[in-house]
Amino acid sequence: MKDVLKKFSLVLFITIIAATIAVAEQSEEVEMADTLRRDGKIYTVVIGLVTVLTGLIKFLIRVDRKVNHLRSKDQDKVV
């Protein structure tokens, strides 16, 4: 199960990076992005997104560990 979670995390990370690059190449004249960059607020947005994604990944890993622990307990009772 850990391998599946690692693969999913890697695929999600690569997809986000690819989508970000594709959007950046498409939109050359986006006023909002230019304004955020000029004001230095784009870094706040990036930090917020990274924080949310990090929290989500940590939560998924924690839930996976708990489920695996419960499964191992259940298998010990059956055997």
C-alpha atoms as a PDB file:
ATOM      1  CA  MET A   1       0.000   0.000   0.000  1.00  0.00           C
ATOM      2  CA  LYS A   2       2.930   2.324   0.683  1.00  0.00           C
ATOM      3  CA  ASP A   3       4.188   1.781  -2.860  1.00  0.00           C
ATOM      4  CA  VAL A   4       0.818   2.798  -4.252  1.00  0.00           C
ATOM      5  CA  LEU A   5       0.809   5.942  -2.127  1.00  0.00           C
ATOM      6  CA  LYS A   6       4.359   6.808  -3.188  1.00  0.00           C
ATOM      7  CA  LYS A   7       3.516   6.287  -6.853  1.00  0.00           C
ATOM      8  CA  PHE A   8       0.342   8.346  -6.502  1.00  0.00           C
ATOM      9  CA  SER A   9       2.260  11.168  -4.815  1.00  0.00           C
ATOM     10  CA  LEU A  10       4.891  11.145  -7.541  1.00  0.00           C
ATOM     11  CA  VAL A  11       2.297  11.170 -10.322  1.00  0.00           C
ATOM     12  CA  LEU A  12       0.384  13.981  -8.591  1.00  0.00           C
ATOM     13  CA  PHE A  13       3.554  16.022  -8.183  1.00  0.00           C
ATOM     14  CA  ILE A  14       4.574  15.559 -11.819  1.00  0.00           C
ATOM     15  CA  THR A  15       1.061  16.400 -13.004  1.00  0.00           C
ATOM     16  CA  ILE A  16       0.996  19.609 -10.968  1.00  0.00           C
ATOM     17  CA  ILE A  17       4.385  20.665 -12.289  1.00  0.00           C
ATOM     18  CA  ALA A  18       3.393  19.881 -15.889  1.00  0.00           C
ATOM     19  CA  ALA A  19       0.098  21.759 -15.530  1.00  0.00           C
ATOM     20  CA  THR A  20       1.879  24.749 -14.031  1.00  0.00           C
ATOM     21  CA  ILE A  21       4.375  24.852 -16.863  1.00  0.00           C
ATOM     22  CA  ALA A  22       1.628  24.502 -19.489  1.00  0.00           C
ATOM     23  CA  VAL A  23      -0.413  27.327 -17.979  1.00  0.00           C
ATOM     24  CA  ALA A  24       2.660  29.534 -17.689  1.00  0.00           C
ATOM     25  CA  GLU A  25       3.488  29.035 -21.362  1.00  0.00           C
ATOM     26  CA  GLN A  26      -0.079  29.697 -22.537  1.00  0.00           C
ATOM     27  CA  SER A  27      -0.753  32.900 -20.672  1.00  0.00           C
ATOM     28  CA  GLU A  28       1.866  35.461 -21.435  1.00  0.00           C
ATOM     29  CA  GLU A  29      -0.222  38.522 -20.608  1.00  0.00           C
ATOM     30  CA  VAL A  30      -2.130  37.800 -17.427  1.00  0.00           C
ATOM     31  CA  GLU A  31      -2.671  40.993 -15.494  1.00  0.00           C
ATOM     32  CA  MET A  32      -3.404  39.325 -12.182  1.00  0.00           C
ATOM     33  CA  ALA A  33      -0.212  37.262 -12.271  1.00  0.00           C
ATOM     34  CA  ASP A  34       1.835  40.281 -13.295  1.00  0.00           C
ATOM     35  CA  THR A  35       0.336  42.311 -10.473  1.00  0.00           C
ATOM     36  CA  LEU A  36       1.006  39.562  -7.932  1.00  0.00           C
ATOM     37  CA  ARG A  37       4.585  39.194  -9.146  1.00  0.00           C
ATOM     38  CA  ARG A  38       5.161  42.931  -9.081  1.00  0.00           C
ATOM     39  CA  ASP A  39       3.760  43.240  -5.537  1.00  0.00           C
ATOM     40  CA  GLY A  40       5.626  40.145  -4.355  1.00  0.00           C
ATOM     41  CA  LYS A  41       2.390  38.400  -3.356  1.00  0.00           C
ATOM     42  CA  ILE A  42       2.825  35.513  -5.781  1.00  0.00           C
ATOM     43  CA  TYR A  43       5.187  33.931  -3.257  1.00  0.00           C
ATOM     44  CA  THR A  44       2.416  34.028  -0.656  1.00  0.00           C
ATOM     45  CA  VAL A  45       0.121  32.160  -3.026  1.00  0.00           C
ATOM     46  CA  VAL A  46       2.811  29.583  -3.800  1.00  0.00           C
ATOM     47  CA  ILE A  47       3.583  29.058  -0.107  1.00  0.00           C
ATOM     48  CA  GLY A  48      -0.125  28.622   0.601  1.00  0.00           C
ATOM     49  CA  LEU A  49      -0.507  26.004  -2.117  1.00  0.00           C
ATOM     50  CA  VAL A  50       2.596  24.130  -0.997  1.00  0.00           C
ATOM     51  CA  THR A  51       1.359  24.168   2.605  1.00  0.00           C
ATOM     52  CA  VAL A  52      -2.047  22.796   1.655  1.00  0.00           C
ATOM     53  CA  LEU A  53      -0.588  20.069  -0.552  1.00  0.00           C
ATOM     54  CA  THR A  54       1.963  19.099   2.099  1.00  0.00           C
ATOM     55  CA  GLY A  55      -0.765  18.839   4.717  1.00  0.00           C
ATOM     56  CA  LEU A  56      -2.911  16.744   2.401  1.00  0.00           C
ATOM     57  CA  ILE A  57      -0.066  14.345   1.641  1.00  0.00           C
ATOM     58  CA  LYS A  58       0.810  14.022   5.349  1.00  0.00           C
ATOM     59  CA  PHE A  59      -2.841  13.332   6.133  1.00  0.00           C
ATOM     60  CA  LEU A  60      -3.051  10.621   3.467  1.00  0.00           C
ATOM     61  CA  ILE A  61       0.128   8.964   4.720  1.00  0.00           C
ATOM     62  CA  ARG A  62      -1.176   9.025   8.294  1.00  0.00           C
ATOM     63  CA  VAL A  63      -4.521   7.522   7.297  1.00  0.00           C
ATOM     64  CA  ASP A  64      -2.731   4.858   5.261  1.00  0.00           C
ATOM     65  CA  ARG A  65      -0.615   3.868   8.257  1.00  0.00           C
ATOM     66  CA  LYS A  66      -3.677   3.669  10.510  1.00  0.00           C
ATOM     67  CA  VAL A  67      -5.559   1.523   8.003  1.00  0.00           C
ATOM     68  CA  ASN A  68      -2.572  -0.809   7.641  1.00  0.00           C
ATOM     69  CA  HIS A  69      -2.299  -1.065  11.421  1.00  0.00           C
ATOM     70  CA  LEU A  70      -5.999  -1.939  11.717  1.00  0.00           C
ATOM     71  CA  ARG A  71      -5.669  -4.513   8.928  1.00  0.00           C
ATOM     72  CA  SER A  72      -2.730  -6.179  10.642  1.00  0.00           C
ATOM     73  CA  LYS A  73      -4.676  -6.308  13.928  1.00  0.00           C
ATOM     74  CA  ASP A  74      -7.663  -7.806  12.113  1.00  0.00           C
ATOM     75  CA  GLN A  75      -5.475 -10.424  10.415  1.00  0.00           C
ATOM     76  CA  ASP A  76      -3.916 -11.369  13.769  1.00  0.00           C
ATOM     77  CA  LYS A  77      -7.380 -12.015  15.207  1.00  0.00           C
ATOM     78  CA  VAL A  78      -8.443 -14.150  12.236  1.00  0.00           C
ATOM     79  CA  VAL A  79      -5.311 -16.312  12.313  1.00  0.00           C
END
